[in-house]
Amino acid sequence: SITQFSFQQGGWGASLADKLVRKCDVLNRGFSGYNTRW
């Protein structure tokens, strides 16, 4: 979830996406509640 929520306003993923505009697509593959087994 800490990754899933990272595209919310002010999120760390959103900040990465903003920083990398026209260089990279930043893909959010966060899954709330998931653990490493899943």
ModelCIF file with pLDDT and N, C-alpha, C, O atoms, coordinates in Angstrom:
data_MODEL
#
_entry.id   MODEL 
#
_entity.id                         1 
_entity.type                       polymer 
_entity.pdbx_number_of_molecules   1 
#
_entity_poly.entity_id                      1 
_entity_poly.type                           'polypeptide(L)' 
_entity_poly.nstd_linkage                   no 
_entity_poly.nstd_monomer                   no 
_entity_poly.pdbx_seq_one_letter_code       SITQFSFQQGGWGASLADKLVRKCDVLNRGFSGYNTRW 
_entity_poly.pdbx_seq_one_letter_code_can   SITQFSFQQGGWGASLADKLVRKCDVLNRGFSGYNTRW 
_entity_poly.pdbx_strand_id                 A 
#
loop_
_entity_poly_seq.entity_id 
_entity_poly_seq.num 
_entity_poly_seq.mon_id 
_entity_poly_seq.hetero 
1 1  SER n 
1 2  ILE n 
1 3  THR n 
1 4  GLN n 
1 5  PHE n 
1 6  SER n 
1 7  PHE n 
1 8  GLN n 
1 9  GLN n 
1 10 GLY n 
1 11 GLY n 
1 12 TRP n 
1 13 GLY n 
1 14 ALA n 
1 15 SER n 
1 16 LEU n 
1 17 ALA n 
1 18 ASP n 
1 19 LYS n 
1 20 LEU n 
1 21 VAL n 
1 22 ARG n 
1 23 LYS n 
1 24 CYS n 
1 25 ASP n 
1 26 VAL n 
1 27 LEU n 
1 28 ASN n 
1 29 ARG n 
1 30 GLY n 
1 31 PHE n 
1 32 SER n 
1 33 GLY n 
1 34 TYR n 
1 35 ASN n 
1 36 THR n 
1 37 ARG n 
1 38 TRP n 
#
_struct_asym.id          A 
_struct_asym.entity_id   1 
#
loop_
_ma_qa_metric.id 
_ma_qa_metric.mode 
_ma_qa_metric.name 
_ma_qa_metric.software_group_id 
_ma_qa_metric.type 
1 global pLDDT . pLDDT 
2 local  pLDDT . pLDDT 
#
_ma_qa_metric_global.metric_id      1 
_ma_qa_metric_global.metric_value   96.89 
_ma_qa_metric_global.model_id       1 
_ma_qa_metric_global.ordinal_id     1 
#
loop_
_ma_qa_metric_local.label_asym_id 
_ma_qa_metric_local.label_comp_id 
_ma_qa_metric_local.label_seq_id 
_ma_qa_metric_local.metric_id 
_ma_qa_metric_local.metric_value 
_ma_qa_metric_local.model_id 
_ma_qa_metric_local.ordinal_id 
A SER 1  2 98.00 1 1  
A ILE 2  2 98.00 1 2  
A THR 3  2 98.00 1 3  
A GLN 4  2 98.00 1 4  
A PHE 5  2 98.00 1 5  
A SER 6  2 98.00 1 6  
A PHE 7  2 98.00 1 7  
A GLN 8  2 96.00 1 8  
A GLN 9  2 95.00 1 9  
A GLY 10 2 95.00 1 10 
A GLY 11 2 98.00 1 11 
A TRP 12 2 98.00 1 12 
A GLY 13 2 98.00 1 13 
A ALA 14 2 98.00 1 14 
A SER 15 2 98.00 1 15 
A LEU 16 2 98.00 1 16 
A ALA 17 2 97.00 1 17 
A ASP 18 2 97.00 1 18 
A LYS 19 2 96.00 1 19 
A LEU 20 2 96.00 1 20 
A VAL 21 2 94.00 1 21 
A ARG 22 2 92.00 1 22 
A LYS 23 2 92.00 1 23 
A CYS 24 2 93.00 1 24 
A ASP 25 2 95.00 1 25 
A VAL 26 2 97.00 1 26 
A LEU 27 2 96.00 1 27 
A ASN 28 2 97.00 1 28 
A ARG 29 2 98.00 1 29 
A GLY 30 2 98.00 1 30 
A PHE 31 2 98.00 1 31 
A SER 32 2 98.00 1 32 
A GLY 33 2 98.00 1 33 
A TYR 34 2 98.00 1 34 
A ASN 35 2 98.00 1 35 
A THR 36 2 98.00 1 36 
A ARG 37 2 98.00 1 37 
A TRP 38 2 98.00 1 38 
#
loop_
_atom_site.group_PDB 
_atom_site.id 
_atom_site.type_symbol 
_atom_site.label_atom_id 
_atom_site.label_alt_id 
_atom_site.label_comp_id 
_atom_site.label_asym_id 
_atom_site.label_entity_id 
_atom_site.label_seq_id 
_atom_site.pdbx_PDB_ins_code 
_atom_site.Cartn_x 
_atom_site.Cartn_y 
_atom_site.Cartn_z 
_atom_site.occupancy 
_atom_site.B_iso_or_equiv 
_atom_site.pdbx_formal_charge 
_atom_site.auth_seq_id 
_atom_site.auth_comp_id 
_atom_site.auth_asym_id 
_atom_site.auth_atom_id 
_atom_site.pdbx_PDB_model_num 
ATOM 1   N N  . SER A 1 1  ? 0.813  -1.216  0.000   1.00 98.00 ? 1  SER A N  1 
ATOM 2   C CA . SER A 1 1  ? 0.000  0.000   0.000   1.00 98.00 ? 1  SER A CA 1 
ATOM 3   C C  . SER A 1 1  ? 0.846  1.265   0.000   1.00 98.00 ? 1  SER A C  1 
ATOM 4   O O  . SER A 1 1  ? 0.418  2.293   -0.525  1.00 98.00 ? 1  SER A O  1 
ATOM 5   N N  . ILE A 1 2  ? 2.035  1.206   0.578   1.00 98.00 ? 2  ILE A N  1 
ATOM 6   C CA . ILE A 1 2  ? 2.873  2.404   0.624   1.00 98.00 ? 2  ILE A CA 1 
ATOM 7   C C  . ILE A 1 2  ? 3.320  2.780   -0.789  1.00 98.00 ? 2  ILE A C  1 
ATOM 8   O O  . ILE A 1 2  ? 3.594  3.946   -1.073  1.00 98.00 ? 2  ILE A O  1 
ATOM 9   N N  . THR A 1 3  ? 3.390  1.798   -1.654  1.00 98.00 ? 3  THR A N  1 
ATOM 10  C CA . THR A 1 3  ? 3.632  2.064   -3.076  1.00 98.00 ? 3  THR A CA 1 
ATOM 11  C C  . THR A 1 3  ? 2.335  2.436   -3.784  1.00 98.00 ? 3  THR A C  1 
ATOM 12  O O  . THR A 1 3  ? 2.305  3.388   -4.564  1.00 98.00 ? 3  THR A O  1 
ATOM 13  N N  . GLN A 1 4  ? 1.264  1.690   -3.518  1.00 98.00 ? 4  GLN A N  1 
ATOM 14  C CA . GLN A 1 4  ? -0.012 1.984   -4.179  1.00 98.00 ? 4  GLN A CA 1 
ATOM 15  C C  . GLN A 1 4  ? -0.441 3.423   -3.929  1.00 98.00 ? 4  GLN A C  1 
ATOM 16  O O  . GLN A 1 4  ? -0.939 4.089   -4.836  1.00 98.00 ? 4  GLN A O  1 
ATOM 17  N N  . PHE A 1 5  ? -0.250 3.903   -2.710  1.00 98.00 ? 5  PHE A N  1 
ATOM 18  C CA . PHE A 1 5  ? -0.675 5.263   -2.349  1.00 98.00 ? 5  PHE A CA 1 
ATOM 19  C C  . PHE A 1 5  ? 0.329  6.324   -2.792  1.00 98.00 ? 5  PHE A C  1 
ATOM 20  O O  . PHE A 1 5  ? 0.092  7.515   -2.588  1.00 98.00 ? 5  PHE A O  1 
ATOM 21  N N  . SER A 1 6  ? 1.438  5.915   -3.389  1.00 98.00 ? 6  SER A N  1 
ATOM 22  C CA . SER A 1 6  ? 2.522  6.865   -3.683  1.00 98.00 ? 6  SER A CA 1 
ATOM 23  C C  . SER A 1 6  ? 2.210  7.822   -4.824  1.00 98.00 ? 6  SER A C  1 
ATOM 24  O O  . SER A 1 6  ? 2.958  8.773   -5.051  1.00 98.00 ? 6  SER A O  1 
ATOM 25  N N  . PHE A 1 7  ? 1.115  7.586   -5.549  1.00 98.00 ? 7  PHE A N  1 
ATOM 26  C CA . PHE A 1 7  ? 0.725  8.509   -6.612  1.00 98.00 ? 7  PHE A CA 1 
ATOM 27  C C  . PHE A 1 7  ? -0.322 9.510   -6.143  1.00 98.00 ? 7  PHE A C  1 
ATOM 28  O O  . PHE A 1 7  ? -0.824 10.302  -6.942  1.00 98.00 ? 7  PHE A O  1 
ATOM 29  N N  . GLN A 1 8  ? -0.651 9.483   -4.877  1.00 96.00 ? 8  GLN A N  1 
ATOM 30  C CA . GLN A 1 8  ? -1.536 10.509  -4.346  1.00 96.00 ? 8  GLN A CA 1 
ATOM 31  C C  . GLN A 1 8  ? -0.798 11.847  -4.329  1.00 96.00 ? 8  GLN A C  1 
ATOM 32  O O  . GLN A 1 8  ? 0.424  11.888  -4.469  1.00 96.00 ? 8  GLN A O  1 
ATOM 33  N N  . GLN A 1 9  ? -1.540 12.932  -4.157  1.00 95.00 ? 9  GLN A N  1 
ATOM 34  C CA . GLN A 1 9  ? -0.928 14.256  -4.171  1.00 95.00 ? 9  GLN A CA 1 
ATOM 35  C C  . GLN A 1 9  ? 0.211  14.327  -3.163  1.00 95.00 ? 9  GLN A C  1 
ATOM 36  O O  . GLN A 1 9  ? 0.021  14.041  -1.981  1.00 95.00 ? 9  GLN A O  1 
ATOM 37  N N  . GLY A 1 10 ? 1.384  14.707  -3.629  1.00 95.00 ? 10 GLY A N  1 
ATOM 38  C CA . GLY A 1 10 ? 2.544  14.794  -2.759  1.00 95.00 ? 10 GLY A CA 1 
ATOM 39  C C  . GLY A 1 10 ? 3.224  13.481  -2.495  1.00 95.00 ? 10 GLY A C  1 
ATOM 40  O O  . GLY A 1 10 ? 4.168  13.422  -1.707  1.00 95.00 ? 10 GLY A O  1 
ATOM 41  N N  . GLY A 1 11 ? 2.761  12.403  -3.146  1.00 98.00 ? 11 GLY A N  1 
ATOM 42  C CA . GLY A 1 11 ? 3.334  11.083  -2.915  1.00 98.00 ? 11 GLY A CA 1 
ATOM 43  C C  . GLY A 1 11 ? 4.717  10.938  -3.539  1.00 98.00 ? 11 GLY A C  1 
ATOM 44  O O  . GLY A 1 11 ? 5.065  11.652  -4.480  1.00 98.00 ? 11 GLY A O  1 
ATOM 45  N N  . TRP A 1 12 ? 5.498  10.006  -3.003  1.00 98.00 ? 12 TRP A N  1 
ATOM 46  C CA . TRP A 1 12 ? 6.868  9.848   -3.488  1.00 98.00 ? 12 TRP A CA 1 
ATOM 47  C C  . TRP A 1 12 ? 6.896  9.323   -4.921  1.00 98.00 ? 12 TRP A C  1 
ATOM 48  O O  . TRP A 1 12 ? 7.805  9.667   -5.677  1.00 98.00 ? 12 TRP A O  1 
ATOM 49  N N  . GLY A 1 13 ? 5.931  8.504   -5.312  1.00 98.00 ? 13 GLY A N  1 
ATOM 50  C CA . GLY A 1 13 ? 5.866  8.016   -6.686  1.00 98.00 ? 13 GLY A CA 1 
ATOM 51  C C  . GLY A 1 13 ? 5.479  9.124   -7.651  1.00 98.00 ? 13 GLY A C  1 
ATOM 52  O O  . GLY A 1 13 ? 6.018  9.217   -8.754  1.00 98.00 ? 13 GLY A O  1 
ATOM 53  N N  . ALA A 1 14 ? 4.536  9.967   -7.225  1.00 98.00 ? 14 ALA A N  1 
ATOM 54  C CA . ALA A 1 14 ? 4.146  11.109  -8.053  1.00 98.00 ? 14 ALA A CA 1 
ATOM 55  C C  . ALA A 1 14 ? 5.322  12.062  -8.242  1.00 98.00 ? 14 ALA A C  1 
ATOM 56  O O  . ALA A 1 14 ? 5.498  12.629  -9.320  1.00 98.00 ? 14 ALA A O  1 
ATOM 57  N N  . SER A 1 15 ? 6.116  12.235  -7.207  1.00 98.00 ? 15 SER A N  1 
ATOM 58  C CA . SER A 1 15 ? 7.292  13.103  -7.313  1.00 98.00 ? 15 SER A CA 1 
ATOM 59  C C  . SER A 1 15 ? 8.308  12.528  -8.288  1.00 98.00 ? 15 SER A C  1 
ATOM 60  O O  . SER A 1 15 ? 8.931  13.268  -9.049  1.00 98.00 ? 15 SER A O  1 
ATOM 61  N N  . LEU A 1 16 ? 8.475  11.211  -8.266  1.00 98.00 ? 16 LEU A N  1 
ATOM 62  C CA . LEU A 1 16 ? 9.364  10.574  -9.242  1.00 98.00 ? 16 LEU A CA 1 
ATOM 63  C C  . LEU A 1 16 ? 8.849  10.778  -10.659 1.00 98.00 ? 16 LEU A C  1 
ATOM 64  O O  . LEU A 1 16 ? 9.612  11.118  -11.562 1.00 98.00 ? 16 LEU A O  1 
ATOM 65  N N  . ALA A 1 17 ? 7.538  10.567  -10.849 1.00 97.00 ? 17 ALA A N  1 
ATOM 66  C CA . ALA A 1 17 ? 6.958  10.725  -12.180 1.00 97.00 ? 17 ALA A CA 1 
ATOM 67  C C  . ALA A 1 17 ? 7.145  12.149  -12.690 1.00 97.00 ? 17 ALA A C  1 
ATOM 68  O O  . ALA A 1 17 ? 7.440  12.360  -13.867 1.00 97.00 ? 17 ALA A O  1 
ATOM 69  N N  . ASP A 1 18 ? 6.975  13.116  -11.808 1.00 97.00 ? 18 ASP A N  1 
ATOM 70  C CA . ASP A 1 18 ? 7.160  14.514  -12.188 1.00 97.00 ? 18 ASP A CA 1 
ATOM 71  C C  . ASP A 1 18 ? 8.614  14.783  -12.577 1.00 97.00 ? 18 ASP A C  1 
ATOM 72  O O  . ASP A 1 18 ? 8.887  15.487  -13.549 1.00 97.00 ? 18 ASP A O  1 
ATOM 73  N N  . LYS A 1 19 ? 9.523  14.225  -11.819 1.00 96.00 ? 19 LYS A N  1 
ATOM 74  C CA . LYS A 1 19 ? 10.942 14.435  -12.067 1.00 96.00 ? 19 LYS A CA 1 
ATOM 75  C C  . LYS A 1 19 ? 11.377 13.808  -13.389 1.00 96.00 ? 19 LYS A C  1 
ATOM 76  O O  . LYS A 1 19 ? 12.318 14.283  -14.025 1.00 96.00 ? 19 LYS A O  1 
ATOM 77  N N  . LEU A 1 20 ? 10.697 12.750  -13.798 1.00 96.00 ? 20 LEU A N  1 
ATOM 78  C CA . LEU A 1 20 ? 11.135 11.987  -14.969 1.00 96.00 ? 20 LEU A CA 1 
ATOM 79  C C  . LEU A 1 20 ? 10.255 12.196  -16.206 1.00 96.00 ? 20 LEU A C  1 
ATOM 80  O O  . LEU A 1 20 ? 10.334 11.428  -17.164 1.00 96.00 ? 20 LEU A O  1 
ATOM 81  N N  . VAL A 1 21 ? 9.422  13.232  -16.180 1.00 94.00 ? 21 VAL A N  1 
ATOM 82  C CA . VAL A 1 21 ? 8.587  13.532  -17.350 1.00 94.00 ? 21 VAL A CA 1 
ATOM 83  C C  . VAL A 1 21 ? 9.463  13.677  -18.604 1.00 94.00 ? 21 VAL A C  1 
ATOM 84  O O  . VAL A 1 21 ? 10.496 14.346  -18.582 1.00 94.00 ? 21 VAL A O  1 
ATOM 85  N N  . ARG A 1 22 ? 9.029  13.040  -19.691 1.00 92.00 ? 22 ARG A N  1 
ATOM 86  C CA . ARG A 1 22 ? 9.724  13.052  -20.981 1.00 92.00 ? 22 ARG A CA 1 
ATOM 87  C C  . ARG A 1 22 ? 11.045 12.297  -20.953 1.00 92.00 ? 22 ARG A C  1 
ATOM 88  O O  . ARG A 1 22 ? 11.838 12.394  -21.889 1.00 92.00 ? 22 ARG A O  1 
ATOM 89  N N  . LYS A 1 23 ? 11.282 11.547  -19.887 1.00 92.00 ? 23 LYS A N  1 
ATOM 90  C CA . LYS A 1 23 ? 12.424 10.634  -19.854 1.00 92.00 ? 23 LYS A CA 1 
ATOM 91  C C  . LYS A 1 23 ? 11.978 9.200   -19.611 1.00 92.00 ? 23 LYS A C  1 
ATOM 92  O O  . LYS A 1 23 ? 12.447 8.275   -20.273 1.00 92.00 ? 23 LYS A O  1 
ATOM 93  N N  . CYS A 1 24 ? 11.069 9.020   -18.657 1.00 93.00 ? 24 CYS A N  1 
ATOM 94  C CA . CYS A 1 24 ? 10.608 7.683   -18.277 1.00 93.00 ? 24 CYS A CA 1 
ATOM 95  C C  . CYS A 1 24 ? 9.133  7.725   -17.909 1.00 93.00 ? 24 CYS A C  1 
ATOM 96  O O  . CYS A 1 24 ? 8.624  8.743   -17.440 1.00 93.00 ? 24 CYS A O  1 
ATOM 97  N N  . ASP A 1 25 ? 8.462  6.615   -18.125 1.00 95.00 ? 25 ASP A N  1 
ATOM 98  C CA . ASP A 1 25 ? 7.168  6.387   -17.508 1.00 95.00 ? 25 ASP A CA 1 
ATOM 99  C C  . ASP A 1 25 ? 7.417  5.718   -16.161 1.00 95.00 ? 25 ASP A C  1 
ATOM 100 O O  . ASP A 1 25 ? 8.156  4.738   -16.079 1.00 95.00 ? 25 ASP A O  1 
ATOM 101 N N  . VAL A 1 26 ? 6.809  6.240   -15.119 1.00 97.00 ? 26 VAL A N  1 
ATOM 102 C CA . VAL A 1 26 ? 6.899  5.622   -13.803 1.00 97.00 ? 26 VAL A CA 1 
ATOM 103 C C  . VAL A 1 26 ? 5.617  4.833   -13.575 1.00 97.00 ? 26 VAL A C  1 
ATOM 104 O O  . VAL A 1 26 ? 4.530  5.408   -13.510 1.00 97.00 ? 26 VAL A O  1 
ATOM 105 N N  . LEU A 1 27 ? 5.747  3.520   -13.454 1.00 96.00 ? 27 LEU A N  1 
ATOM 106 C CA . LEU A 1 27 ? 4.588  2.641   -13.338 1.00 96.00 ? 27 LEU A CA 1 
ATOM 107 C C  . LEU A 1 27 ? 4.371  2.246   -11.884 1.00 96.00 ? 27 LEU A C  1 
ATOM 108 O O  . LEU A 1 27 ? 5.273  1.715   -11.236 1.00 96.00 ? 27 LEU A O  1 
ATOM 109 N N  . ASN A 1 28 ? 3.191  2.503   -11.386 1.00 97.00 ? 28 ASN A N  1 
ATOM 110 C CA . ASN A 1 28 ? 2.832  2.149   -10.021 1.00 97.00 ? 28 ASN A CA 1 
ATOM 111 C C  . ASN A 1 28 ? 2.206  0.764   -10.016 1.00 97.00 ? 28 ASN A C  1 
ATOM 112 O O  . ASN A 1 28 ? 1.103  0.564   -10.525 1.00 97.00 ? 28 ASN A O  1 
ATOM 113 N N  . ARG A 1 29 ? 2.914  -0.174  -9.442  1.00 98.00 ? 29 ARG A N  1 
ATOM 114 C CA . ARG A 1 29 ? 2.397  -1.535  -9.267  1.00 98.00 ? 29 ARG A CA 1 
ATOM 115 C C  . ARG A 1 29 ? 2.429  -1.847  -7.775  1.00 98.00 ? 29 ARG A C  1 
ATOM 116 O O  . ARG A 1 29 ? 3.086  -2.782  -7.316  1.00 98.00 ? 29 ARG A O  1 
ATOM 117 N N  . GLY A 1 30 ? 1.685  -1.016  -7.040  1.00 98.00 ? 30 GLY A N  1 
ATOM 118 C CA . GLY A 1 30 ? 1.533  -1.222  -5.607  1.00 98.00 ? 30 GLY A CA 1 
ATOM 119 C C  . GLY A 1 30 ? 0.229  -1.940  -5.325  1.00 98.00 ? 30 GLY A C  1 
ATOM 120 O O  . GLY A 1 30 ? -0.783 -1.678  -5.974  1.00 98.00 ? 30 GLY A O  1 
ATOM 121 N N  . PHE A 1 31 ? 0.249  -2.848  -4.355  1.00 98.00 ? 31 PHE A N  1 
ATOM 122 C CA . PHE A 1 31 ? -0.912 -3.682  -4.052  1.00 98.00 ? 31 PHE A CA 1 
ATOM 123 C C  . PHE A 1 31 ? -1.155 -3.650  -2.544  1.00 98.00 ? 31 PHE A C  1 
ATOM 124 O O  . PHE A 1 31 ? -0.445 -4.293  -1.770  1.00 98.00 ? 31 PHE A O  1 
ATOM 125 N N  . SER A 1 32 ? -2.167 -2.894  -2.150  1.00 98.00 ? 32 SER A N  1 
ATOM 126 C CA . SER A 1 32 ? -2.453 -2.694  -0.737  1.00 98.00 ? 32 SER A CA 1 
ATOM 127 C C  . SER A 1 32 ? -2.695 -4.024  -0.034  1.00 98.00 ? 32 SER A C  1 
ATOM 128 O O  . SER A 1 32 ? -3.467 -4.860  -0.503  1.00 98.00 ? 32 SER A O  1 
ATOM 129 N N  . GLY A 1 33 ? -2.028 -4.203  1.090   1.00 98.00 ? 33 GLY A N  1 
ATOM 130 C CA . GLY A 1 33 ? -2.219 -5.399  1.906   1.00 98.00 ? 33 GLY A CA 1 
ATOM 131 C C  . GLY A 1 33 ? -1.371 -6.586  1.506   1.00 98.00 ? 33 GLY A C  1 
ATOM 132 O O  . GLY A 1 33 ? -1.366 -7.597  2.209   1.00 98.00 ? 33 GLY A O  1 
ATOM 133 N N  . TYR A 1 34 ? -0.649 -6.495  0.394   1.00 98.00 ? 34 TYR A N  1 
ATOM 134 C CA . TYR A 1 34 ? 0.104  -7.654  -0.098  1.00 98.00 ? 34 TYR A CA 1 
ATOM 135 C C  . TYR A 1 34 ? 1.398  -7.858  0.690   1.00 98.00 ? 34 TYR A C  1 
ATOM 136 O O  . TYR A 1 34 ? 1.967  -6.925  1.256   1.00 98.00 ? 34 TYR A O  1 
ATOM 137 N N  . ASN A 1 35 ? 1.832  -9.102  0.702   1.00 98.00 ? 35 ASN A N  1 
ATOM 138 C CA . ASN A 1 35 ? 3.101  -9.478  1.295   1.00 98.00 ? 35 ASN A CA 1 
ATOM 139 C C  . ASN A 1 35 ? 3.995  -10.104 0.220   1.00 98.00 ? 35 ASN A C  1 
ATOM 140 O O  . ASN A 1 35 ? 3.583  -10.228 -0.933  1.00 98.00 ? 35 ASN A O  1 
ATOM 141 N N  . THR A 1 36 ? 5.204  -10.496 0.591   1.00 98.00 ? 36 THR A N  1 
ATOM 142 C CA . THR A 1 36 ? 6.151  -10.999 -0.416  1.00 98.00 ? 36 THR A CA 1 
ATOM 143 C C  . THR A 1 36 ? 5.755  -12.367 -0.966  1.00 98.00 ? 36 THR A C  1 
ATOM 144 O O  . THR A 1 36 ? 6.137  -12.717 -2.082  1.00 98.00 ? 36 THR A O  1 
ATOM 145 N N  . ARG A 1 37 ? 5.000  -13.136 -0.200  1.00 98.00 ? 37 ARG A N  1 
ATOM 146 C CA . ARG A 1 37 ? 4.551  -14.446 -0.718  1.00 98.00 ? 37 ARG A CA 1 
ATOM 147 C C  . ARG A 1 37 ? 3.654  -14.246 -1.931  1.00 98.00 ? 37 ARG A C  1 
ATOM 148 O O  . ARG A 1 37 ? 3.775  -14.959 -2.927  1.00 98.00 ? 37 ARG A O  1 
ATOM 149 N N  . TRP A 1 38 ? 2.761  -13.280 -1.841  1.00 98.00 ? 38 TRP A N  1 
ATOM 150 C CA . TRP A 1 38 ? 1.868  -12.991 -2.964  1.00 98.00 ? 38 TRP A CA 1 
ATOM 151 C C  . TRP A 1 38 ? 2.599  -12.237 -4.067  1.00 98.00 ? 38 TRP A C  1 
ATOM 152 O O  . TRP A 1 38 ? 2.001  -11.910 -5.092  1.00 98.00 ? 38 TRP A O  1 
#
